[in-house]
Amino acid sequence: MTGLTLAMAQINTQLGNVEANLEKHLSLIRDARGRGADLVIFPELSLTGYVLQDLTPVVARRAAADDDTFRHLLGASRDVDVLVGFVEADPRHRFFIAAAYLSKGEVVHIHRKVYLPTYGLFDEGRFFAWGDQVRAFDTRFGRFGVLICEDFWHASPPYLLWLDGADVMLFASASPGRGLHSDEQLESAGWVEQVNQAYASLFTVFVAHTNRVGFEDGLSFWGGCTVFDPNGTEIAHGPYHQEALTMAELDLGQLHRTRARLPLLRDERTSLVLRELKRILDED
């Protein structure tokens, strides 16, 4: 397959109301499918809202067909692939900020957030367990990778996905607005967009980012989804501060054209990186 039609659903969730949020997901998936989408990506914790705190155990779900919430989402994924954000409960009752990639009625991959910010506005480390894997995975469109918000503020997770074969990176976030300017772009939005463009350019991959919108417990989420191609060229940008379903056409043939011109992946010296990391860790 040489093309991928992507729908980025930047939505305003209702805190703790999984049923209402699920209905919004299913409606937008139907809308995206009607507009020719192959894949719909939702923001971080799109099924639950962000500032959960003591609600965390109440809204936690298992990404499986016997879960009432995921039964509907898996059914919807028979016609269009879906990336959805949720609180995952493991068998020992630990809770993770997670994203599930669903396709053809199956759970293809689950990413558990690796970096939990617990500073400033953020308090994730009090309520959630850390994920401990960064893995790419195969889809019917090629090899993908998923990261959640703070994960892509650290250079190592995108780098690991790149080395593991990801040609399309899907980033989901619940990024609150910070830093006012005279225009509509917040300082925090500018930071995120620069980081995403840099990863697309450095790793010669597609980077698609979906952020939530709306207000929650004093936080304002700014939306502004983006897609960058392997040249670092922006090919789609959603609006700020409003719900939207933004469509993007990904020409997967651009991977070949960019890497033929700029063989950064071919020349990456992973053995050198491994050796130097071992040296640094041994010196600590």
C-alpha atoms as a PDB file:
ATOM      1  CA  MET A   1       0.000   0.000   0.000  1.00  0.00           C
ATOM      2  CA  THR A   2       1.413   3.380  -1.034  1.00  0.00           C
ATOM      3  CA  GLY A   3      -1.136   5.681   0.589  1.00  0.00           C
ATOM      4  CA  LEU A   4      -2.811   6.118   3.969  1.00  0.00           C
ATOM      5  CA  THR A   5      -5.774   8.358   4.745  1.00  0.00           C
ATOM      6  CA  LEU A   6      -5.480   9.470   8.347  1.00  0.00           C
ATOM      7  CA  ALA A   7      -8.192  11.091  10.487  1.00  0.00           C
ATOM      8  CA  MET A   8      -7.051  12.926  13.626  1.00  0.00           C
ATOM      9  CA  ALA A   9      -9.857  13.339  16.157  1.00  0.00           C
ATOM     10  CA  GLN A  10      -9.006  16.133  18.595  1.00  0.00           C
ATOM     11  CA  ILE A  11     -11.884  15.935  21.050  1.00  0.00           C
ATOM     12  CA  ASN A  12     -13.123  17.333  24.333  1.00  0.00           C
ATOM     13  CA  THR A  13     -13.739  14.470  26.754  1.00  0.00           C
ATOM     14  CA  GLN A  14     -16.029  14.328  29.772  1.00  0.00           C
ATOM     15  CA  LEU A  15     -13.996  13.588  32.889  1.00  0.00           C
ATOM     16  CA  GLY A  16     -14.770  10.105  34.178  1.00  0.00           C
ATOM     17  CA  ASN A  17     -17.737   9.543  31.819  1.00  0.00           C
ATOM     18  CA  VAL A  18     -16.528   6.596  29.765  1.00  0.00           C
ATOM     19  CA  GLU A  19     -19.971   5.885  28.285  1.00  0.00           C
ATOM     20  CA  ALA A  20     -20.425   9.399  26.885  1.00  0.00           C
ATOM     21  CA  ASN A  21     -16.858   9.473  25.596  1.00  0.00           C
ATOM     22  CA  LEU A  22     -17.339   6.087  23.939  1.00  0.00           C
ATOM     23  CA  GLU A  23     -20.399   7.366  22.068  1.00  0.00           C
ATOM     24  CA  LYS A  24     -18.351  10.317  20.789  1.00  0.00           C
ATOM     25  CA  HIS A  25     -15.620   7.924  19.640  1.00  0.00           C
ATOM     26  CA  LEU A  26     -18.048   5.705  17.768  1.00  0.00           C
ATOM     27  CA  SER A  27     -19.707   8.696  16.103  1.00  0.00           C
ATOM     28  CA  LEU A  28     -16.373  10.121  14.953  1.00  0.00           C
ATOM     29  CA  ILE A  29     -15.193   6.728  13.718  1.00  0.00           C
ATOM     30  CA  ARG A  30     -18.326   6.479  11.583  1.00  0.00           C
ATOM     31  CA  ASP A  31     -17.751  10.020  10.303  1.00  0.00           C
ATOM     32  CA  ALA A  32     -14.106   9.291   9.494  1.00  0.00           C
ATOM     33  CA  ARG A  33     -15.003   6.061   7.717  1.00  0.00           C
ATOM     34  CA  GLY A  34     -17.540   7.974   5.610  1.00  0.00           C
ATOM     35  CA  ARG A  35     -14.771  10.401   4.640  1.00  0.00           C
ATOM     36  CA  GLY A  36     -12.521   7.598   3.460  1.00  0.00           C
ATOM     37  CA  ALA A  37     -10.234   7.253   6.479  1.00  0.00           C
ATOM     38  CA  ASP A  38      -8.032   4.185   6.891  1.00  0.00           C
ATOM     39  CA  LEU A  39      -7.032   5.085  10.447  1.00  0.00           C
ATOM     40  CA  VAL A  40      -8.514   7.313  13.179  1.00  0.00           C
ATOM     41  CA  ILE A  41      -6.269   8.456  16.036  1.00  0.00           C
ATOM     42  CA  PHE A  42      -7.607   9.873  19.295  1.00  0.00           C
ATOM     43  CA  PRO A  43      -5.739  11.820  22.024  1.00  0.00           C
ATOM     44  CA  GLU A  44      -4.249  10.621  25.295  1.00  0.00           C
ATOM     45  CA  LEU A  45      -6.870   9.260  27.722  1.00  0.00           C
ATOM     46  CA  SER A  46      -9.575  10.001  25.177  1.00  0.00           C
ATOM     47  CA  LEU A  47     -12.035   7.592  26.810  1.00  0.00           C
ATOM     48  CA  THR A  48     -11.667   8.978  30.324  1.00  0.00           C
ATOM     49  CA  GLY A  49     -10.441  12.554  30.560  1.00  0.00           C
ATOM     50  CA  TYR A  50      -7.095  13.538  32.032  1.00  0.00           C
ATOM     51  CA  VAL A  51      -7.263  14.788  35.661  1.00  0.00           C
ATOM     52  CA  LEU A  52      -8.611  11.507  37.001  1.00  0.00           C
ATOM     53  CA  GLN A  53      -6.847  11.140  40.352  1.00  0.00           C
ATOM     54  CA  ASP A  54      -9.122   8.988  42.566  1.00  0.00           C
ATOM     55  CA  LEU A  55     -11.341   8.150  39.571  1.00  0.00           C
ATOM     56  CA  THR A  56      -8.496   6.151  38.040  1.00  0.00           C
ATOM     57  CA  PRO A  57      -9.599   2.669  39.259  1.00  0.00           C
ATOM     58  CA  VAL A  58     -13.224   3.404  38.362  1.00  0.00           C
ATOM     59  CA  VAL A  59     -12.565   4.170  34.683  1.00  0.00           C
ATOM     60  CA  ALA A  60      -9.872   1.527  34.093  1.00  0.00           C
ATOM     61  CA  ARG A  61     -10.575  -0.988  31.326  1.00  0.00           C
ATOM     62  CA  ARG A  62      -9.043  -4.033  29.644  1.00  0.00           C
ATOM     63  CA  ALA A  63      -8.506  -3.879  25.887  1.00  0.00           C
ATOM     64  CA  ALA A  64     -10.350  -7.129  25.173  1.00  0.00           C
ATOM     65  CA  ALA A  65     -13.548  -8.303  23.517  1.00  0.00           C
ATOM     66  CA  ASP A  66     -15.129  -9.220  26.864  1.00  0.00           C
ATOM     67  CA  ASP A  67     -14.831  -5.610  28.087  1.00  0.00           C
ATOM     68  CA  ASP A  68     -18.097  -3.742  27.422  1.00  0.00           C
ATOM     69  CA  THR A  69     -16.299  -0.595  26.233  1.00  0.00           C
ATOM     70  CA  PHE A  70     -13.764  -2.282  23.983  1.00  0.00           C
ATOM     71  CA  ARG A  71     -16.338  -4.661  22.533  1.00  0.00           C
ATOM     72  CA  HIS A  72     -17.875  -1.675  20.723  1.00  0.00           C
ATOM     73  CA  LEU A  73     -14.532  -0.208  19.688  1.00  0.00           C
ATOM     74  CA  LEU A  74     -13.288  -3.531  18.351  1.00  0.00           C
ATOM     75  CA  GLY A  75     -16.463  -3.833  16.325  1.00  0.00           C
ATOM     76  CA  ALA A  76     -15.942  -0.354  14.878  1.00  0.00           C
ATOM     77  CA  SER A  77     -12.350  -1.246  13.964  1.00  0.00           C
ATOM     78  CA  ARG A  78     -13.484  -3.879  11.478  1.00  0.00           C
ATOM     79  CA  ASP A  79     -13.856  -1.178   8.828  1.00  0.00           C
ATOM     80  CA  VAL A  80     -11.225   1.379   9.900  1.00  0.00           C
ATOM     81  CA  ASP A  81      -8.191   1.118  12.180  1.00  0.00           C
ATOM     82  CA  VAL A  82      -8.396   3.023  15.480  1.00  0.00           C
ATOM     83  CA  LEU A  83      -5.914   4.321  18.048  1.00  0.00           C
ATOM     84  CA  VAL A  84      -7.684   5.056  21.337  1.00  0.00           C
ATOM     85  CA  GLY A  85      -6.427   6.401  24.680  1.00  0.00           C
ATOM     86  CA  PHE A  86      -7.556   4.808  27.950  1.00  0.00           C
ATOM     87  CA  VAL A  87      -6.619   3.724  31.464  1.00  0.00           C
ATOM     88  CA  GLU A  88      -5.518   0.106  31.329  1.00  0.00           C
ATOM     89  CA  ALA A  89      -5.882  -2.205  34.339  1.00  0.00           C
ATOM     90  CA  ASP A  90      -3.540  -5.175  34.433  1.00  0.00           C
ATOM     91  CA  PRO A  91      -4.376  -8.493  36.175  1.00  0.00           C
ATOM     92  CA  ARG A  92      -2.699  -7.310  39.401  1.00  0.00           C
ATOM     93  CA  HIS A  93      -4.725  -4.062  39.525  1.00  0.00           C
ATOM     94  CA  ARG A  94      -2.019  -1.687  38.420  1.00  0.00           C
ATOM     95  CA  PHE A  95      -3.201   1.204  36.259  1.00  0.00           C
ATOM     96  CA  PHE A  96      -1.449   2.546  33.175  1.00  0.00           C
ATOM     97  CA  ILE A  97      -1.968   5.477  30.817  1.00  0.00           C
ATOM     98  CA  ALA A  98      -2.240   3.489  27.612  1.00  0.00           C
ATOM     99  CA  ALA A  99      -3.107   3.636  23.924  1.00  0.00           C
ATOM    100  CA  ALA A 100      -4.526   0.662  22.018  1.00  0.00           C
ATOM    101  CA  TYR A 101      -4.219   0.154  18.262  1.00  0.00           C
ATOM    102  CA  LEU A 102      -7.242  -1.773  16.969  1.00  0.00           C
ATOM    103  CA  SER A 103      -7.678  -3.284  13.495  1.00  0.00           C
ATOM    104  CA  LYS A 104     -10.114  -5.755  11.915  1.00  0.00           C
ATOM    105  CA  GLY A 105     -11.708  -6.426  15.283  1.00  0.00           C
ATOM    106  CA  GLU A 106      -8.407  -7.269  16.993  1.00  0.00           C
ATOM    107  CA  VAL A 107      -6.070  -5.567  19.458  1.00  0.00           C
ATOM    108  CA  VAL A 108      -2.837  -5.189  17.480  1.00  0.00           C
ATOM    109  CA  HIS A 109      -0.726  -3.294  20.013  1.00  0.00           C
ATOM    110  CA  ILE A 110      -0.918  -1.548  23.385  1.00  0.00           C
ATOM    111  CA  HIS A 111       1.570   1.117  24.431  1.00  0.00           C
ATOM    112  CA  ARG A 112       1.836   1.995  28.105  1.00  0.00           C
ATOM    113  CA  LYS A 113       3.145   5.480  28.815  1.00  0.00           C
ATOM    114  CA  VAL A 114       6.803   5.229  29.784  1.00  0.00           C
ATOM    115  CA  TYR A 115       7.436   8.698  31.227  1.00  0.00           C
ATOM    116  CA  LEU A 116       4.950   9.982  33.805  1.00  0.00           C
ATOM    117  CA  PRO A 117       5.378  13.718  34.493  1.00  0.00           C
ATOM    118  CA  THR A 118       5.068  14.521  38.179  1.00  0.00           C
ATOM    119  CA  TYR A 119       6.027  18.194  38.289  1.00  0.00           C
ATOM    120  CA  GLY A 120       4.383  21.567  37.751  1.00  0.00           C
ATOM    121  CA  LEU A 121       0.819  20.986  36.523  1.00  0.00           C
ATOM    122  CA  PHE A 122       1.256  17.220  36.400  1.00  0.00           C
ATOM    123  CA  ASP A 123       0.740  14.528  39.040  1.00  0.00           C
ATOM    124  CA  GLU A 124       0.722  11.276  37.054  1.00  0.00           C
ATOM    125  CA  GLY A 125       3.273   9.404  39.169  1.00  0.00           C
ATOM    126  CA  ARG A 126       0.866   9.360  42.136  1.00  0.00           C
ATOM    127  CA  PHE A 127      -1.830   7.412  40.306  1.00  0.00           C
ATOM    128  CA  PHE A 128      -0.283   5.419  37.481  1.00  0.00           C
ATOM    129  CA  ALA A 129       2.359   2.742  36.983  1.00  0.00           C
ATOM    130  CA  TRP A 130       5.219   3.219  34.524  1.00  0.00           C
ATOM    131  CA  GLY A 131       5.249   1.394  31.201  1.00  0.00           C
ATOM    132  CA  ASP A 132       8.510  -0.420  30.525  1.00  0.00           C
ATOM    133  CA  GLN A 133       8.541  -1.129  26.773  1.00  0.00           C
ATOM    134  CA  VAL A 134       8.969   0.891  23.579  1.00  0.00           C
ATOM    135  CA  ARG A 135       8.123  -1.346  20.615  1.00  0.00           C
ATOM    136  CA  ALA A 136       7.197  -0.845  16.976  1.00  0.00           C
ATOM    137  CA  PHE A 137       4.481  -3.085  15.517  1.00  0.00           C
ATOM    138  CA  ASP A 138       3.203  -4.237  12.134  1.00  0.00           C
ATOM    139  CA  THR A 139      -0.054  -2.971  10.636  1.00  0.00           C
ATOM    140  CA  ARG A 140      -1.692  -3.479   7.254  1.00  0.00           C
ATOM    141  CA  PHE A 141      -0.133  -0.136   6.235  1.00  0.00           C
ATOM    142  CA  GLY A 142       3.414  -0.823   7.391  1.00  0.00           C
ATOM    143  CA  ARG A 143       5.322  -0.685  10.656  1.00  0.00           C
ATOM    144  CA  PHE A 144       4.113   1.875  13.211  1.00  0.00           C
ATOM    145  CA  GLY A 145       5.065   3.146  16.644  1.00  0.00           C
ATOM    146  CA  VAL A 146       2.985   4.862  19.349  1.00  0.00           C
ATOM    147  CA  LEU A 147       4.078   7.277  22.078  1.00  0.00           C
ATOM    148  CA  ILE A 148       2.059   9.220  24.640  1.00  0.00           C
ATOM    149  CA  CYS A 149       2.803  12.876  25.474  1.00  0.00           C
ATOM    150  CA  GLU A 150       5.818  13.025  27.844  1.00  0.00           C
ATOM    151  CA  ASP A 151       7.275   9.987  26.047  1.00  0.00           C
ATOM    152  CA  PHE A 152       8.163  12.123  23.030  1.00  0.00           C
ATOM    153  CA  TRP A 153       9.723  14.879  25.150  1.00  0.00           C
ATOM    154  CA  HIS A 154      12.548  12.377  25.701  1.00  0.00           C
ATOM    155  CA  ALA A 155      14.732  11.552  22.711  1.00  0.00           C
ATOM    156  CA  SER A 156      15.150   7.852  23.481  1.00  0.00           C
ATOM    157  CA  PRO A 157      11.593   6.530  22.788  1.00  0.00           C
ATOM    158  CA  PRO A 158      11.337   7.924  19.212  1.00  0.00           C
ATOM    159  CA  TYR A 159      14.910   6.769  18.578  1.00  0.00           C
ATOM    160  CA  LEU A 160      14.064   3.249  19.760  1.00  0.00           C
ATOM    161  CA  LEU A 161      10.943   3.150  17.588  1.00  0.00           C
ATOM    162  CA  TRP A 162      13.011   4.239  14.590  1.00  0.00           C
ATOM    163  CA  LEU A 163      15.569   1.490  15.172  1.00  0.00           C
ATOM    164  CA  ASP A 164      12.733  -1.021  15.668  1.00  0.00           C
ATOM    165  CA  GLY A 165      11.413  -0.283  12.197  1.00  0.00           C
ATOM    166  CA  ALA A 166       8.670   2.306  12.703  1.00  0.00           C
ATOM    167  CA  ASP A 167       8.079   4.351   9.556  1.00  0.00           C
ATOM    168  CA  VAL A 168       4.968   6.083  10.934  1.00  0.00           C
ATOM    169  CA  MET A 169       4.961   7.426  14.494  1.00  0.00           C
ATOM    170  CA  LEU A 170       1.631   8.194  16.146  1.00  0.00           C
ATOM    171  CA  PHE A 171       1.848  10.617  19.076  1.00  0.00           C
ATOM    172  CA  ALA A 172      -1.143  11.168  21.380  1.00  0.00           C
ATOM    173  CA  SER A 173      -1.290  13.798  24.090  1.00  0.00           C
ATOM    174  CA  ALA A 174      -3.385  15.738  26.567  1.00  0.00           C
ATOM    175  CA  SER A 175      -1.171  18.818  26.489  1.00  0.00           C
ATOM    176  CA  PRO A 176      -2.435  21.825  28.464  1.00  0.00           C
ATOM    177  CA  GLY A 177      -1.868  25.314  27.153  1.00  0.00           C
ATOM    178  CA  ARG A 178       0.938  27.425  28.610  1.00  0.00           C
ATOM    179  CA  GLY A 179       2.603  30.642  27.488  1.00  0.00           C
ATOM    180  CA  LEU A 180       0.468  33.297  25.811  1.00  0.00           C
ATOM    181  CA  HIS A 181       1.399  35.037  22.561  1.00  0.00           C
ATOM    182  CA  SER A 182      -0.257  37.755  20.541  1.00  0.00           C
ATOM    183  CA  ASP A 183      -1.456  35.122  18.025  1.00  0.00           C
ATOM    184  CA  GLU A 184      -3.561  32.020  18.640  1.00  0.00           C
ATOM    185  CA  GLN A 185      -0.597  29.649  19.037  1.00  0.00           C
ATOM    186  CA  LEU A 186       0.362  29.045  22.645  1.00  0.00           C
ATOM    187  CA  GLU A 187       4.008  28.648  23.575  1.00  0.00           C
ATOM    188  CA  SER A 188       3.384  25.017  24.529  1.00  0.00           C
ATOM    189  CA  ALA A 189       1.872  24.349  21.092  1.00  0.00           C
ATOM    190  CA  GLY A 190       4.955  25.784  19.433  1.00  0.00           C
ATOM    191  CA  TRP A 191       7.227  23.549  21.508  1.00  0.00           C
ATOM    192  CA  VAL A 192       5.294  20.406  20.583  1.00  0.00           C
ATOM    193  CA  GLU A 193       5.158  21.223  16.891  1.00  0.00           C
ATOM    194  CA  GLN A 194       8.896  21.920  16.744  1.00  0.00           C
ATOM    195  CA  VAL A 195       9.674  18.629  18.473  1.00  0.00           C
ATOM    196  CA  ASN A 196       7.417  16.653  16.141  1.00  0.00           C
ATOM    197  CA  GLN A 197       8.886  18.282  13.044  1.00  0.00           C
ATOM    198  CA  ALA A 198      12.400  17.585  14.310  1.00  0.00           C
ATOM    199  CA  TYR A 199      11.683  13.873  14.815  1.00  0.00           C
ATOM    200  CA  ALA A 200      10.175  13.580  11.333  1.00  0.00           C
ATOM    201  CA  SER A 201      13.290  15.171   9.832  1.00  0.00           C
ATOM    202  CA  LEU A 202      15.900  13.400  11.977  1.00  0.00           C
ATOM    203  CA  PHE A 203      14.380   9.944  11.585  1.00  0.00           C
ATOM    204  CA  THR A 204      12.924  10.397   8.059  1.00  0.00           C
ATOM    205  CA  VAL A 205       9.505   9.142   9.215  1.00  0.00           C
ATOM    206  CA  PHE A 206       5.917  10.349   9.270  1.00  0.00           C
ATOM    207  CA  VAL A 207       4.928  11.873  12.617  1.00  0.00           C
ATOM    208  CA  ALA A 208       1.212  12.354  13.347  1.00  0.00           C
ATOM    209  CA  HIS A 209       0.200  14.010  16.604  1.00  0.00           C
ATOM    210  CA  THR A 210      -3.301  14.341  18.076  1.00  0.00           C
ATOM    211  CA  ASN A 211      -3.912  16.515  21.142  1.00  0.00           C
ATOM    212  CA  ARG A 212      -7.186  16.955  23.046  1.00  0.00           C
ATOM    213  CA  VAL A 213      -9.168  20.170  23.429  1.00  0.00           C
ATOM    214  CA  GLY A 214     -11.431  21.686  26.061  1.00  0.00           C
ATOM    215  CA  PHE A 215     -11.248  22.657  29.741  1.00  0.00           C
ATOM    216  CA  GLU A 216     -10.818  20.334  32.695  1.00  0.00           C
ATOM    217  CA  ASP A 217     -10.095  21.114  36.342  1.00  0.00           C
ATOM    218  CA  GLY A 218      -8.486  24.463  35.508  1.00  0.00           C
ATOM    219  CA  LEU A 219      -6.499  23.160  32.529  1.00  0.00           C
ATOM    220  CA  SER A 220      -7.059  24.287  28.934  1.00  0.00           C
ATOM    221  CA  PHE A 221      -6.121  21.850  26.164  1.00  0.00           C
ATOM    222  CA  TRP A 222      -5.235  23.412  22.824  1.00  0.00           C
ATOM    223  CA  GLY A 223      -5.787  20.772  20.122  1.00  0.00           C
ATOM    224  CA  GLY A 224      -3.774  21.702  17.025  1.00  0.00           C
ATOM    225  CA  CYS A 225      -3.088  18.216  15.620  1.00  0.00           C
ATOM    226  CA  THR A 226      -0.313  17.963  13.024  1.00  0.00           C
ATOM    227  CA  VAL A 227       1.248  15.575  10.531  1.00  0.00           C
ATOM    228  CA  PHE A 228       4.810  15.926   9.227  1.00  0.00           C
ATOM    229  CA  ASP A 229       6.291  13.882   6.384  1.00  0.00           C
ATOM    230  CA  PRO A 230       9.826  12.356   6.277  1.00  0.00           C
ATOM    231  CA  ASN A 231      11.209  15.659   4.964  1.00  0.00           C
ATOM    232  CA  GLY A 232       9.830  17.478   8.005  1.00  0.00           C
ATOM    233  CA  THR A 233       7.204  19.168   5.832  1.00  0.00           C
ATOM    234  CA  GLU A 234       3.854  19.828   7.489  1.00  0.00           C
ATOM    235  CA  ILE A 235       1.068  18.160   5.513  1.00  0.00           C
ATOM    236  CA  ALA A 236      -1.880  18.768   7.869  1.00  0.00           C
ATOM    237  CA  HIS A 237      -2.717  21.012  10.802  1.00  0.00           C
ATOM    238  CA  GLY A 238      -5.911  21.022  12.840  1.00  0.00           C
ATOM    239  CA  PRO A 239      -7.420  24.126  14.449  1.00  0.00           C
ATOM    240  CA  TYR A 240      -6.556  25.328  17.931  1.00  0.00           C
ATOM    241  CA  HIS A 241      -9.061  25.315  20.822  1.00  0.00           C
ATOM    242  CA  GLN A 242     -11.929  23.479  19.112  1.00  0.00           C
ATOM    243  CA  GLU A 243     -13.012  19.957  18.379  1.00  0.00           C
ATOM    244  CA  ALA A 244     -12.177  18.792  14.878  1.00  0.00           C
ATOM    245  CA  LEU A 245     -11.682  15.756  12.681  1.00  0.00           C
ATOM    246  CA  THR A 246      -8.688  16.648  10.528  1.00  0.00           C
ATOM    247  CA  MET A 247      -7.914  14.520   7.472  1.00  0.00           C
ATOM    248  CA  ALA A 248      -4.433  13.913   6.073  1.00  0.00           C
ATOM    249  CA  GLU A 249      -3.217  11.977   3.049  1.00  0.00           C
ATOM    250  CA  LEU A 250       0.098  10.199   3.673  1.00  0.00           C
ATOM    251  CA  ASP A 251       2.078   9.273   0.558  1.00  0.00           C
ATOM    252  CA  LEU A 252       4.060   6.346   1.928  1.00  0.00           C
ATOM    253  CA  GLY A 253       6.261   6.432  -1.166  1.00  0.00           C
ATOM    254  CA  GLN A 254       7.871   9.527   0.355  1.00  0.00           C
ATOM    255  CA  LEU A 255       9.808   7.211   2.682  1.00  0.00           C
ATOM    256  CA  HIS A 256      11.705   5.804  -0.310  1.00  0.00           C
ATOM    257  CA  ARG A 257      12.315   9.183  -1.926  1.00  0.00           C
ATOM    258  CA  THR A 258      13.570  10.835   1.266  1.00  0.00           C
ATOM    259  CA  ARG A 259      15.803   7.971   2.394  1.00  0.00           C
ATOM    260  CA  ALA A 260      17.358   7.590  -1.057  1.00  0.00           C
ATOM    261  CA  ARG A 261      18.420  11.223  -0.778  1.00  0.00           C
ATOM    262  CA  LEU A 262      19.196  11.231   2.939  1.00  0.00           C
ATOM    263  CA  PRO A 263      20.335   7.754   4.163  1.00  0.00           C
ATOM    264  CA  LEU A 264      20.402   8.551   7.876  1.00  0.00           C
ATOM    265  CA  LEU A 265      18.862   5.197   8.787  1.00  0.00           C
ATOM    266  CA  ARG A 266      21.405   3.307   6.665  1.00  0.00           C
ATOM    267  CA  ASP A 267      24.318   5.075   8.340  1.00  0.00           C
ATOM    268  CA  GLU A 268      23.117   4.935  11.953  1.00  0.00           C
ATOM    269  CA  ARG A 269      25.816   3.316  14.113  1.00  0.00           C
ATOM    270  CA  THR A 270      23.789   1.386  16.668  1.00  0.00           C
ATOM    271  CA  SER A 271      26.759  -0.649  17.935  1.00  0.00           C
ATOM    272  CA  LEU A 272      28.601   2.566  18.753  1.00  0.00           C
ATOM    273  CA  VAL A 273      25.533   3.878  20.610  1.00  0.00           C
ATOM    274  CA  LEU A 274      25.250   0.641  22.592  1.00  0.00           C
ATOM    275  CA  ARG A 275      28.942   0.657  23.485  1.00  0.00           C
ATOM    276  CA  GLU A 276      28.909   4.271  24.629  1.00  0.00           C
ATOM    277  CA  LEU A 277      25.732   3.800  26.664  1.00  0.00           C
ATOM    278  CA  LYS A 278      27.336   0.874  28.453  1.00  0.00           C
ATOM    279  CA  ARG A 279      30.406   3.013  29.154  1.00  0.00           C
ATOM    280  CA  ILE A 280      28.316   5.871  30.537  1.00  0.00           C
ATOM    281  CA  LEU A 281      26.267   3.551  32.750  1.00  0.00           C
ATOM    282  CA  ASP A 282      29.361   1.797  34.028  1.00  0.00           C
ATOM    283  CA  GLU A 283      30.889   5.143  35.016  1.00  0.00           C
ATOM    284  CA  ASP A 284      27.849   6.182  37.083  1.00  0.00           C
END
